[in-house]
């Protein structure tokens, strides 16, 4: 069963989301605040495929819930819901470990498509039967355990970050444009903003580069995209 945790403080919106996700075959657990979200997540041993989190909630907000859930699980897919259109809200959520964001108001088809895309990614990651390593300089990407090591030390990655690293390490010294990265990682029919690529690259650099502001591995190809260098 496809399990999803929905966290939304507005009853009408939460009911709308729950109905449409259940119609699409999801086993939905819904709560109205951040405190209950973390309690339910822990009570279920984190056994959710996707979490859908509203940002603006009384008490513990969606950003904090996102951060705490990501600490507990690197594999769960996280989508942020926001009524705001400010760029910083989107960036903040992604930097804290979210995989995607949806801006209110949204249509049922858009919401389900975005959730489906995240769920497919999580499912594919958990079912991989490859046992090979991709080695590039100081880095080892293990396709079976879905882990990355730098100088034999583990680097904690979300599933999106892992897929980005896999794409780059399979294509060393190849300039990849943002549209290609978006299509390969988020899917060809992704609804969202291409800037999600840039934010995830920034987040990855903070984890793998010795000096994130002067990257040596995930380098920018100005006016085009990015490429991987050993």
Protein backbone atom coordinates (compact mmCIF):
# COMPACT_ATOMS: atom_id res chain seq x y z
CA UNK A 1 0.00 0.00 0.00
CA UNK A 2 1.19 3.53 -0.78
CA UNK A 3 1.37 5.25 2.60
CA UNK A 4 1.28 9.03 2.94
CA UNK A 5 1.20 11.39 5.93
CA UNK A 6 -0.79 14.59 5.32
CA UNK A 7 -0.23 17.53 7.67
CA UNK A 8 -2.56 20.49 7.11
CA UNK A 9 -4.24 22.74 9.70
CA UNK A 10 -7.12 23.95 7.48
CA UNK A 11 -9.87 21.34 7.66
CA UNK A 12 -11.37 22.05 4.22
CA UNK A 13 -8.03 21.80 2.45
CA UNK A 14 -7.01 18.69 4.40
CA UNK A 15 -10.30 16.94 3.56
CA UNK A 16 -9.89 17.89 -0.11
CA UNK A 17 -6.35 16.49 -0.20
CA UNK A 18 -7.26 13.30 1.68
CA UNK A 19 -10.24 12.51 -0.58
CA UNK A 20 -8.23 12.91 -3.77
CA UNK A 21 -5.26 10.90 -2.52
CA UNK A 22 -7.49 8.06 -1.33
CA UNK A 23 -9.23 8.01 -4.71
CA UNK A 24 -5.78 7.58 -6.23
CA UNK A 25 -5.00 4.53 -4.11
CA UNK A 26 -3.09 6.03 -1.18
CA UNK A 27 -3.36 4.89 2.43
CA UNK A 28 -3.66 8.33 4.04
CA UNK A 29 -2.97 9.31 7.65
CA UNK A 30 -3.90 12.94 8.27
CA UNK A 31 -3.24 15.31 11.16
CA UNK A 32 -3.82 19.02 11.72
CA UNK A 33 -0.59 20.19 13.36
CA UNK A 34 3.15 19.63 13.53
CA UNK A 35 3.17 18.13 16.99
CA UNK A 36 0.75 15.37 15.96
CA UNK A 37 2.69 14.84 12.74
CA UNK A 38 5.90 13.98 14.58
CA UNK A 39 4.05 11.85 17.13
CA UNK A 40 2.25 9.84 14.43
CA UNK A 41 5.44 9.49 12.39
CA UNK A 42 7.27 8.03 15.40
CA UNK A 43 4.35 5.81 16.44
CA UNK A 44 4.39 4.27 12.95
CA UNK A 45 8.19 3.84 13.02
CA UNK A 46 8.43 6.23 10.08
CA UNK A 47 6.77 3.74 7.73
CA UNK A 48 5.44 6.31 5.29
CA UNK A 49 6.46 6.65 1.66
CA UNK A 50 5.58 10.34 1.36
CA UNK A 51 4.84 13.24 3.71
CA UNK A 52 2.78 16.23 2.54
CA UNK A 53 3.46 19.17 4.87
CA UNK A 54 1.76 22.55 5.09
CA UNK A 55 4.28 25.27 5.89
CA UNK A 56 2.16 27.74 7.86
CA UNK A 57 0.75 26.04 10.94
CA UNK A 58 0.34 27.15 14.56
CA UNK A 59 2.88 25.67 16.96
CA UNK A 60 5.47 23.58 15.13
CA UNK A 61 5.50 24.81 11.52
CA UNK A 62 6.05 22.77 8.39
CA UNK A 63 9.70 23.74 8.08
CA UNK A 64 10.45 22.27 11.50
CA UNK A 65 8.43 19.12 10.78
CA UNK A 66 10.33 18.71 7.51
CA UNK A 67 13.68 19.07 9.27
CA UNK A 68 12.75 16.58 12.00
CA UNK A 69 11.31 13.98 9.60
CA UNK A 70 14.36 14.25 7.38
CA UNK A 71 16.58 13.61 10.42
CA UNK A 72 14.64 10.41 11.01
CA UNK A 73 14.53 9.22 7.39
CA UNK A 74 16.59 9.88 4.27
CA UNK A 75 14.27 7.78 2.10
CA UNK A 76 10.82 9.30 2.65
CA UNK A 77 9.58 11.71 -0.01
CA UNK A 78 8.64 15.15 1.35
CA UNK A 79 6.43 17.71 -0.40
CA UNK A 80 5.80 21.16 1.10
CA UNK A 81 2.44 22.94 0.73
CA UNK A 82 2.41 26.73 0.89
CA UNK A 83 -0.12 29.50 0.28
CA UNK A 84 2.78 31.87 -0.22
CA UNK A 85 4.49 32.55 -3.53
CA UNK A 86 7.70 33.97 -2.04
CA UNK A 87 10.78 32.32 -3.43
CA UNK A 88 12.44 32.03 -0.01
CA UNK A 89 9.70 29.76 1.35
CA UNK A 90 10.37 27.32 -1.47
CA UNK A 91 14.13 27.53 -1.07
CA UNK A 92 13.96 27.13 2.72
CA UNK A 93 11.87 23.96 2.43
CA UNK A 94 14.19 22.42 -0.13
CA UNK A 95 17.30 23.31 1.85
CA UNK A 96 15.79 21.56 4.90
CA UNK A 97 15.38 18.33 2.96
CA UNK A 98 12.08 18.59 1.07
CA UNK A 99 11.94 17.00 -2.38
CA UNK A 100 9.30 19.26 -3.92
CA UNK A 101 6.78 21.98 -3.17
CA UNK A 102 3.23 22.79 -4.31
CA UNK A 103 1.80 26.30 -4.10
CA UNK A 104 -1.85 26.77 -3.11
CA UNK A 105 -4.30 26.83 -4.79
CA UNK A 106 -3.63 23.63 -6.70
CA UNK A 107 -5.77 21.27 -8.76
CA UNK A 108 -6.38 17.65 -7.71
CA UNK A 109 -4.59 16.41 -10.85
CA UNK A 110 -1.49 18.50 -10.13
CA UNK A 111 -1.30 17.39 -6.52
CA UNK A 112 -1.72 13.70 -7.31
CA UNK A 113 0.80 13.91 -10.17
CA UNK A 114 3.42 15.45 -7.89
CA UNK A 115 2.78 12.87 -5.14
CA UNK A 116 2.88 10.04 -7.68
CA UNK A 117 6.22 11.27 -9.01
CA UNK A 118 7.75 11.32 -5.52
CA UNK A 119 6.29 7.91 -4.69
CA UNK A 120 7.70 6.36 -7.87
CA UNK A 121 11.15 7.68 -7.00
CA UNK A 122 11.01 6.27 -3.47
CA UNK A 123 9.73 2.90 -4.73
CA UNK A 124 12.38 2.61 -7.44
CA UNK A 125 15.11 3.49 -4.95
CA UNK A 126 13.96 0.82 -2.50
CA UNK A 127 13.67 -1.90 -5.16
CA UNK A 128 17.03 -1.50 -6.86
CA UNK A 129 18.90 -4.81 -7.11
CA UNK A 130 22.16 -3.39 -8.37
CA UNK A 131 25.17 -4.12 -6.20
CA UNK A 132 27.84 -2.18 -8.06
CA UNK A 133 29.84 0.81 -6.96
CA UNK A 134 30.42 3.95 -8.95
CA UNK A 135 33.82 5.29 -7.94
CA UNK A 136 34.98 8.78 -8.80
CA UNK A 137 38.06 10.15 -7.07
CA UNK A 138 37.37 10.28 -3.33
CA UNK A 139 33.71 9.32 -3.82
CA UNK A 140 31.99 5.93 -3.79
CA UNK A 141 28.31 5.64 -4.72
CA UNK A 142 26.78 2.30 -3.70
CA UNK A 143 23.70 1.53 -5.83
CA UNK A 144 22.58 -1.33 -3.58
CA UNK A 145 22.67 0.41 -0.21
CA UNK A 146 21.88 3.82 -1.76
CA UNK A 147 24.77 5.42 0.08
CA UNK A 148 27.58 7.82 -0.75
CA UNK A 149 31.01 7.85 0.85
CA UNK A 150 33.67 10.53 0.60
CA UNK A 151 37.11 9.42 1.74
CA UNK A 152 35.38 6.34 3.27
CA UNK A 153 33.10 8.58 5.36
CA UNK A 154 29.32 8.37 4.90
CA UNK A 155 27.54 11.37 3.43
CA UNK A 156 23.84 11.55 4.33
CA UNK A 157 21.73 12.04 1.20
CA UNK A 158 18.02 12.25 0.46
CA UNK A 159 16.73 10.10 -2.40
CA UNK A 160 16.65 13.12 -4.70
CA UNK A 161 20.25 13.98 -3.83
CA UNK A 162 21.28 10.38 -4.43
CA UNK A 163 19.66 10.38 -7.87
CA UNK A 164 21.40 13.63 -8.78
CA UNK A 165 24.74 12.20 -7.69
CA UNK A 166 24.10 9.01 -9.66
CA UNK A 167 23.27 11.03 -12.78
CA UNK A 168 26.46 13.08 -12.52
CA UNK A 169 28.79 10.24 -11.54
CA UNK A 170 27.54 8.14 -14.45
CA UNK A 171 28.35 11.09 -16.72
CA UNK A 172 31.71 12.50 -15.53
CA UNK A 173 32.95 15.65 -17.27
CA UNK A 174 29.70 15.89 -19.23
CA UNK A 175 27.86 19.22 -19.09
CA UNK A 176 24.21 18.56 -18.22
CA UNK A 177 21.70 21.34 -18.68
CA UNK A 178 19.04 22.06 -16.06
CA UNK A 179 16.21 20.73 -18.21
CA UNK A 180 17.95 17.38 -18.64
CA UNK A 181 18.64 17.10 -14.90
CA UNK A 182 15.01 17.99 -14.15
CA UNK A 183 13.72 15.39 -16.60
CA UNK A 184 16.03 12.60 -15.42
CA UNK A 185 15.49 13.16 -11.68
CA UNK A 186 12.00 14.65 -11.31
CA UNK A 187 10.43 13.11 -14.41
CA UNK A 188 9.51 14.30 -17.88
CA UNK A 189 6.08 15.53 -16.83
CA UNK A 190 7.23 17.51 -13.79
CA UNK A 191 4.93 20.47 -13.11
CA UNK A 192 7.25 22.60 -10.99
CA UNK A 193 9.92 25.27 -11.36
CA UNK A 194 13.28 24.42 -12.93
CA UNK A 195 14.93 26.38 -10.10
CA UNK A 196 14.44 23.30 -7.93
CA UNK A 197 17.55 21.95 -9.68
CA UNK A 198 19.70 24.88 -8.54
CA UNK A 199 18.54 24.62 -4.93
CA UNK A 200 19.33 20.89 -4.80
CA UNK A 201 22.76 21.47 -6.31
CA UNK A 202 23.42 24.08 -3.62
CA UNK A 203 22.29 21.63 -0.94
CA UNK A 204 24.50 18.87 -2.35
CA UNK A 205 27.52 21.15 -2.48
CA UNK A 206 27.11 21.85 1.23
CA UNK A 207 27.40 18.11 1.86
CA UNK A 208 30.16 17.03 -0.52
CA UNK A 209 32.40 20.02 -1.23
CA UNK A 210 35.26 21.09 1.04
CA UNK A 211 34.41 24.68 0.14
CA UNK A 212 30.80 24.87 -1.09
CA UNK A 213 31.25 28.45 -2.30
CA UNK A 214 34.16 27.30 -4.50
CA UNK A 215 33.07 23.86 -5.71
CA UNK A 216 35.60 21.53 -7.32
CA UNK A 217 33.31 18.60 -8.10
CA UNK A 218 29.78 19.87 -8.85
CA UNK A 219 30.82 22.79 -11.00
CA UNK A 220 28.67 25.33 -12.81
CA UNK A 221 28.71 25.53 -16.59
CA UNK A 222 27.67 29.15 -16.93
CA UNK A 223 24.57 29.77 -19.02
CA UNK A 224 23.96 26.02 -19.36
CA UNK A 225 23.94 23.83 -16.26
CA UNK A 226 26.39 21.73 -14.26
CA UNK A 227 28.97 18.97 -14.62
CA UNK A 228 30.81 16.50 -12.37
CA UNK A 229 34.59 16.55 -12.00
CA UNK A 230 36.73 14.21 -9.93
